[in-house]
Amino acid sequence: MIVREEAKRYGLIILGAFLFALGVNLFVVPVNLYSNGVLGIAQILRTLLDQLSGGYLSQYLDISGVINFLINIPLFMLAYRTISKKFFVRTLLSVLSQTVFLTFIMIPVSPIIDDILTNCIIGGMMTGFGMGLTLRCSGSGGGLDILGVYFTKKLPHFSVGKLSLLINLCIYVICAILFRLEIAIYSAIYTACFTLVLDKTHYQNINVTCIIFTKHLDIQNKVLSEMGRGMTFWQGKGAYTKEDTYVMVSVISKYEINQLKHIIKSVDPQAFTIFFEGMSVDGHFEKRL
């Protein structure tokens, strides 16, 4: 069962990377727009290298995916050492898939749709949905996602949104200086569409409060070791049976529910669990991708 779920997760990550690359290569690049984050930096470097080579590089392959992967290498090491091994593997799979798809999906010689604004909307919808699938599978597209998770762990008042906004602002200022102001504006519109669809596809901040009634204290140890989530528990008593039981409370993200259910069933199939979705949490609680 676990192997099947992991295989499904990896398959969705690859599908998400394909949709992301398809949106970029079919709707963003043909109208000379630039993506956000590390890929946007890679696209700017690609354009500059292509200009230096006299257009030689663009005759064969779009190397922005390869540059994106090279920039991500030190970030992969950061994810492996400081975040989690599973997050590292899923992110590596996502970025590798993106690299392959961005490199080999043919970019149309002329835009499929002439209107730039329409390309921004369609491209943003496709890339946002693709990246949202990756995030729903507990992976990431690399780049700013890795830095965001890392700094969230290190700095209590850090905002991932502020980091993304700052980096993207720098990217589009560079676009306005090196290319045209129009390109920077439409690229920002594309990023807005991307972010909107991404948020609708992946609700990373929906929290779930779970209350577990069990006679097995090992559940809290397994949750802590496998999920990295803490628990508060106290002793209770059944009103009907008058038997002693443990009452455990924890807060997790929406996408950790299935993992928690599996842990509970493996330790105590008779346990009774209640989930409350959409709770607001303040204080020391780790929000994860």
Protein backbone atom coordinates (compact mmCIF):
# COMPACT_ATOMS: atom_id res chain seq x y z
CA MET A 1 0.00 0.00 0.00
CA ILE A 2 2.79 2.42 0.93
CA VAL A 3 4.76 1.53 -2.22
CA ARG A 4 1.68 2.14 -4.37
CA GLU A 5 1.07 5.53 -2.75
CA GLU A 6 4.69 6.56 -3.24
CA ALA A 7 4.60 5.44 -6.89
CA LYS A 8 1.42 7.48 -7.42
CA ARG A 9 3.09 10.46 -5.72
CA TYR A 10 6.15 10.23 -8.00
CA GLY A 11 3.94 9.85 -11.06
CA LEU A 12 2.04 13.03 -10.18
CA ILE A 13 5.31 14.89 -9.62
CA ILE A 14 6.47 13.93 -13.13
CA LEU A 15 3.06 14.89 -14.56
CA GLY A 16 3.27 18.23 -12.76
CA ALA A 17 6.75 18.86 -14.18
CA PHE A 18 5.48 18.01 -17.68
CA LEU A 19 2.54 20.43 -17.43
CA PHE A 20 4.83 23.12 -16.04
CA ALA A 21 7.35 22.72 -18.89
CA LEU A 22 4.55 22.54 -21.46
CA GLY A 23 3.13 25.84 -20.25
CA VAL A 24 6.54 27.51 -20.28
CA ASN A 25 7.67 26.28 -23.70
CA LEU A 26 4.35 26.65 -25.54
CA PHE A 27 3.01 29.90 -24.09
CA VAL A 28 5.68 31.80 -22.13
CA VAL A 29 8.89 31.48 -24.15
CA PRO A 30 7.35 32.02 -27.66
CA VAL A 31 6.24 35.53 -26.67
CA ASN A 32 9.64 36.29 -25.08
CA LEU A 33 8.38 36.37 -21.51
CA TYR A 34 10.28 35.22 -18.43
CA SER A 35 9.27 32.92 -15.63
CA ASN A 36 9.63 33.62 -11.93
CA GLY A 37 12.17 32.31 -9.42
CA VAL A 38 15.32 30.42 -10.33
CA LEU A 39 13.93 29.43 -13.74
CA GLY A 40 13.49 33.13 -14.55
CA ILE A 41 17.15 33.71 -13.68
CA ALA A 42 18.08 30.73 -15.87
CA GLN A 43 16.05 32.14 -18.78
CA ILE A 44 17.77 35.52 -18.51
CA LEU A 45 21.19 33.80 -18.53
CA ARG A 46 20.05 31.69 -21.50
CA THR A 47 19.10 34.82 -23.45
CA LEU A 48 22.40 36.56 -22.66
CA LEU A 49 24.45 33.48 -23.65
CA ASP A 50 22.42 33.14 -26.83
CA GLN A 51 23.11 36.78 -27.71
CA LEU A 52 26.83 36.29 -27.05
CA SER A 53 26.85 33.23 -29.33
CA GLY A 54 25.09 35.12 -32.10
CA GLY A 55 21.96 32.99 -31.82
CA TYR A 56 23.88 29.72 -32.19
CA LEU A 57 22.52 28.14 -28.98
CA SER A 58 18.84 28.72 -29.79
CA GLN A 59 19.18 26.86 -33.10
CA TYR A 60 19.33 23.50 -31.32
CA LEU A 61 18.02 23.31 -27.73
CA ASP A 62 16.63 25.63 -25.09
CA ILE A 63 19.27 25.34 -22.37
CA SER A 64 17.32 27.25 -19.70
CA GLY A 65 16.27 23.94 -18.12
CA VAL A 66 19.90 22.82 -17.88
CA ILE A 67 20.97 26.16 -16.37
CA ASN A 68 18.06 25.91 -13.93
CA PHE A 69 19.26 22.47 -12.85
CA LEU A 70 22.85 23.64 -12.38
CA ILE A 71 21.73 26.56 -10.19
CA ASN A 72 19.66 24.13 -8.12
CA ILE A 73 22.57 21.76 -7.34
CA PRO A 74 23.76 23.62 -4.19
CA LEU A 75 20.11 24.00 -3.17
CA PHE A 76 19.65 20.22 -3.48
CA MET A 77 22.51 19.76 -1.03
CA LEU A 78 20.86 22.23 1.32
CA ALA A 79 17.55 20.34 1.13
CA TYR A 80 19.28 16.99 1.74
CA ARG A 81 21.21 18.18 4.78
CA THR A 82 18.70 20.45 6.52
CA ILE A 83 15.12 19.65 5.46
CA SER A 84 14.36 15.96 4.82
CA LYS A 85 15.47 13.08 2.63
CA LYS A 86 12.01 12.53 1.15
CA PHE A 87 11.66 16.22 0.30
CA PHE A 88 15.10 16.06 -1.35
CA VAL A 89 14.22 13.00 -3.47
CA ARG A 90 10.89 14.43 -4.63
CA THR A 91 12.37 17.82 -5.41
CA LEU A 92 15.25 16.23 -7.31
CA LEU A 93 12.76 14.16 -9.34
CA SER A 94 10.71 17.27 -10.10
CA VAL A 95 13.66 19.40 -11.24
CA LEU A 96 15.18 16.55 -13.28
CA SER A 97 11.83 16.03 -15.01
CA GLN A 98 11.52 19.77 -15.62
CA THR A 99 15.02 19.83 -17.12
CA VAL A 100 14.23 17.01 -19.56
CA PHE A 101 10.84 18.43 -20.58
CA LEU A 102 12.06 22.04 -20.87
CA THR A 103 14.95 20.87 -23.04
CA PHE A 104 13.11 18.54 -25.40
CA ILE A 105 9.60 20.01 -25.73
CA MET A 106 9.86 21.94 -28.96
CA ILE A 107 9.26 25.69 -28.71
CA PRO A 108 7.02 26.96 -31.56
CA VAL A 109 8.75 29.22 -34.06
CA SER A 110 5.78 31.59 -33.82
CA PRO A 111 3.36 31.86 -30.87
CA ILE A 112 0.35 29.54 -30.90
CA ILE A 113 -1.78 32.52 -29.85
CA ASP A 114 -0.80 36.01 -30.99
CA ASP A 115 -2.24 37.90 -28.02
CA ILE A 116 0.42 38.22 -25.27
CA LEU A 117 -2.10 38.60 -22.44
CA THR A 118 -3.84 35.36 -23.45
CA ASN A 119 -0.48 33.58 -23.41
CA CYS A 120 0.14 34.95 -19.89
CA ILE A 121 -3.18 33.58 -18.65
CA ILE A 122 -2.99 30.14 -20.31
CA GLY A 123 0.70 29.74 -19.47
CA GLY A 124 0.08 30.78 -15.85
CA MET A 125 -2.81 28.34 -15.50
CA MET A 126 -0.80 25.40 -16.87
CA THR A 127 2.39 26.09 -14.95
CA GLY A 128 0.53 26.92 -11.73
CA PHE A 129 -1.50 23.72 -11.89
CA GLY A 130 1.60 21.66 -12.70
CA MET A 131 3.60 23.10 -9.83
CA GLY A 132 0.59 22.76 -7.54
CA LEU A 133 0.50 19.01 -8.24
CA THR A 134 4.16 18.77 -7.25
CA LEU A 135 3.57 20.63 -3.99
CA ARG A 136 0.53 18.48 -3.18
CA CYS A 137 2.83 15.47 -3.41
CA SER A 138 5.16 17.00 -0.78
CA GLY A 139 7.81 17.89 -3.35
CA SER A 140 8.81 21.22 -4.82
CA GLY A 141 10.09 22.81 -7.99
CA GLY A 142 13.42 23.57 -6.32
CA GLY A 143 14.89 27.04 -6.19
CA LEU A 144 12.97 29.45 -4.00
CA ASP A 145 10.87 26.64 -2.52
CA ILE A 146 13.97 25.08 -0.96
CA LEU A 147 15.26 28.42 0.32
CA GLY A 148 11.81 29.25 1.66
CA VAL A 149 11.51 26.01 3.65
CA TYR A 150 15.10 26.38 4.93
CA PHE A 151 14.72 29.96 6.14
CA THR A 152 11.30 29.18 7.66
CA LYS A 153 13.04 26.59 9.86
CA LYS A 154 15.84 29.00 10.81
CA LEU A 155 14.01 32.32 11.19
CA PRO A 156 10.77 32.37 13.22
CA HIS A 157 9.36 35.51 11.56
CA PHE A 158 10.49 34.70 8.04
CA SER A 159 7.97 34.88 5.21
CA VAL A 160 8.37 32.72 2.11
CA GLY A 161 6.18 35.19 0.23
CA LYS A 162 8.53 38.08 0.99
CA LEU A 163 11.54 36.13 -0.34
CA SER A 164 9.67 35.20 -3.52
CA LEU A 165 8.46 38.77 -4.00
CA LEU A 166 11.96 40.20 -3.55
CA ILE A 167 13.64 37.76 -5.96
CA ASN A 168 10.93 38.12 -8.60
CA LEU A 169 11.03 41.90 -8.32
CA CYS A 170 14.79 41.78 -9.03
CA ILE A 171 14.20 39.48 -12.01
CA TYR A 172 11.65 41.77 -13.63
CA VAL A 173 13.68 44.91 -12.96
CA ILE A 174 16.56 43.19 -14.79
CA CYS A 175 14.17 42.26 -17.62
CA ALA A 176 13.05 45.89 -17.89
CA ILE A 177 16.68 47.10 -18.03
CA LEU A 178 18.11 44.46 -20.38
CA PHE A 179 15.10 44.03 -22.65
CA ARG A 180 11.87 46.06 -22.70
CA LEU A 181 9.56 47.35 -19.99
CA GLU A 182 6.68 45.64 -21.78
CA ILE A 183 8.34 42.25 -21.35
CA ALA A 184 8.80 42.84 -17.61
CA ILE A 185 5.15 43.89 -17.17
CA TYR A 186 3.69 40.93 -19.04
CA SER A 187 6.08 38.55 -17.26
CA ALA A 188 4.79 39.90 -13.94
CA ILE A 189 1.20 39.33 -15.13
CA TYR A 190 2.12 35.74 -16.02
CA THR A 191 3.60 35.25 -12.54
CA ALA A 192 0.41 36.60 -10.95
CA CYS A 193 -1.68 34.05 -12.91
CA PHE A 194 0.79 31.31 -11.99
CA THR A 195 0.62 32.18 -8.28
CA LEU A 196 -3.19 32.37 -8.24
CA VAL A 197 -3.64 28.91 -9.80
CA LEU A 198 -0.83 27.49 -7.64
CA ASP A 199 -2.58 28.64 -4.47
CA LYS A 200 -5.90 27.17 -5.63
CA THR A 201 -4.27 23.84 -6.47
CA HIS A 202 -2.17 23.54 -3.32
CA TYR A 203 -3.46 24.73 0.04
CA GLN A 204 -0.22 24.44 1.98
CA ASN A 205 -1.45 26.36 5.01
CA ILE A 206 -4.66 24.42 5.72
CA ASN A 207 -4.08 22.96 9.17
CA VAL A 208 -5.85 20.00 10.72
CA THR A 209 -6.26 19.36 14.43
CA CYS A 210 -6.43 15.66 15.25
CA ILE A 211 -7.58 14.09 18.53
CA ILE A 212 -6.65 10.43 18.99
CA PHE A 213 -8.15 8.11 21.59
CA THR A 214 -5.96 5.03 22.07
CA LYS A 215 -4.53 2.69 24.67
CA HIS A 216 -1.13 2.58 22.91
CA LEU A 217 1.34 5.30 23.86
CA ASP A 218 3.71 4.18 21.05
CA ILE A 219 1.66 6.21 18.55
CA GLN A 220 3.16 9.48 19.77
CA ASN A 221 6.72 8.11 19.45
CA LYS A 222 6.08 6.91 15.90
CA VAL A 223 4.46 10.20 14.87
CA LEU A 224 7.44 12.11 16.24
CA SER A 225 10.05 9.88 14.53
CA GLU A 226 8.31 9.46 11.16
CA MET A 227 6.49 12.78 10.75
CA GLY A 228 8.50 15.10 12.96
CA ARG A 229 5.27 16.28 14.63
CA GLY A 230 4.92 16.67 18.39
CA MET A 231 1.91 15.62 20.44
CA THR A 232 0.30 16.51 23.73
CA PHE A 233 -1.43 13.67 25.57
CA TRP A 234 -3.21 13.02 28.83
CA GLN A 235 -5.00 10.11 30.46
CA GLY A 236 -8.74 9.81 30.10
CA LYS A 237 -11.42 7.25 30.90
CA GLY A 238 -14.15 5.78 28.75
CA ALA A 239 -17.62 6.81 29.93
CA TYR A 240 -19.13 3.42 29.03
CA THR A 241 -16.28 0.97 29.64
CA LYS A 242 -14.65 2.93 32.48
CA GLU A 243 -11.31 1.82 31.00
CA ASP A 244 -8.25 4.07 30.99
CA THR A 245 -7.22 5.52 27.64
CA TYR A 246 -4.81 8.10 26.25
CA VAL A 247 -6.10 11.25 24.59
CA MET A 248 -3.54 12.66 22.11
CA VAL A 249 -3.74 16.00 20.30
CA SER A 250 -1.61 17.25 17.43
CA VAL A 251 -1.81 19.75 14.57
CA ILE A 252 -0.70 18.66 11.10
CA SER A 253 -1.10 19.88 7.54
CA LYS A 254 -3.93 18.66 5.33
CA TYR A 255 -1.56 16.52 3.27
CA GLU A 256 -0.17 14.65 6.28
CA ILE A 257 -3.54 13.10 7.19
CA ASN A 258 -3.04 9.84 5.26
CA GLN A 259 0.42 9.34 6.73
CA LEU A 260 -0.95 9.85 10.24
CA LYS A 261 -3.84 7.44 9.59
CA HIS A 262 -1.37 4.79 8.43
CA ILE A 263 0.73 5.21 11.58
CA ILE A 264 -2.31 4.97 13.84
CA LYS A 265 -3.63 1.83 12.13
CA SER A 266 -0.22 0.15 12.23
CA VAL A 267 0.00 0.63 16.01
CA ASP A 268 -3.63 0.47 17.13
CA PRO A 269 -6.34 -0.50 14.60
CA GLN A 270 -8.96 0.11 17.32
CA ALA A 271 -7.95 3.74 17.87
CA PHE A 272 -10.60 6.45 17.44
CA THR A 273 -9.51 9.68 15.70
CA ILE A 274 -11.27 12.99 15.14
CA PHE A 275 -10.03 15.54 12.54
CA PHE A 276 -10.90 19.26 12.57
CA GLU A 277 -9.91 21.01 9.33
CA GLY A 278 -9.10 24.68 8.78
CA MET A 279 -7.92 25.60 12.26
CA SER A 280 -5.90 28.77 12.82
CA VAL A 281 -2.58 28.11 14.54
CA ASP A 282 -0.26 30.60 16.21
CA GLY A 283 3.08 30.10 17.89
CA HIS A 284 5.64 27.34 17.31
CA PHE A 285 4.12 25.38 14.43
CA GLU A 286 6.05 24.38 11.32
CA LYS A 287 4.24 25.06 8.03
CA ARG A 288 5.62 22.76 5.36
CA LEU A 289 5.49 22.47 1.61
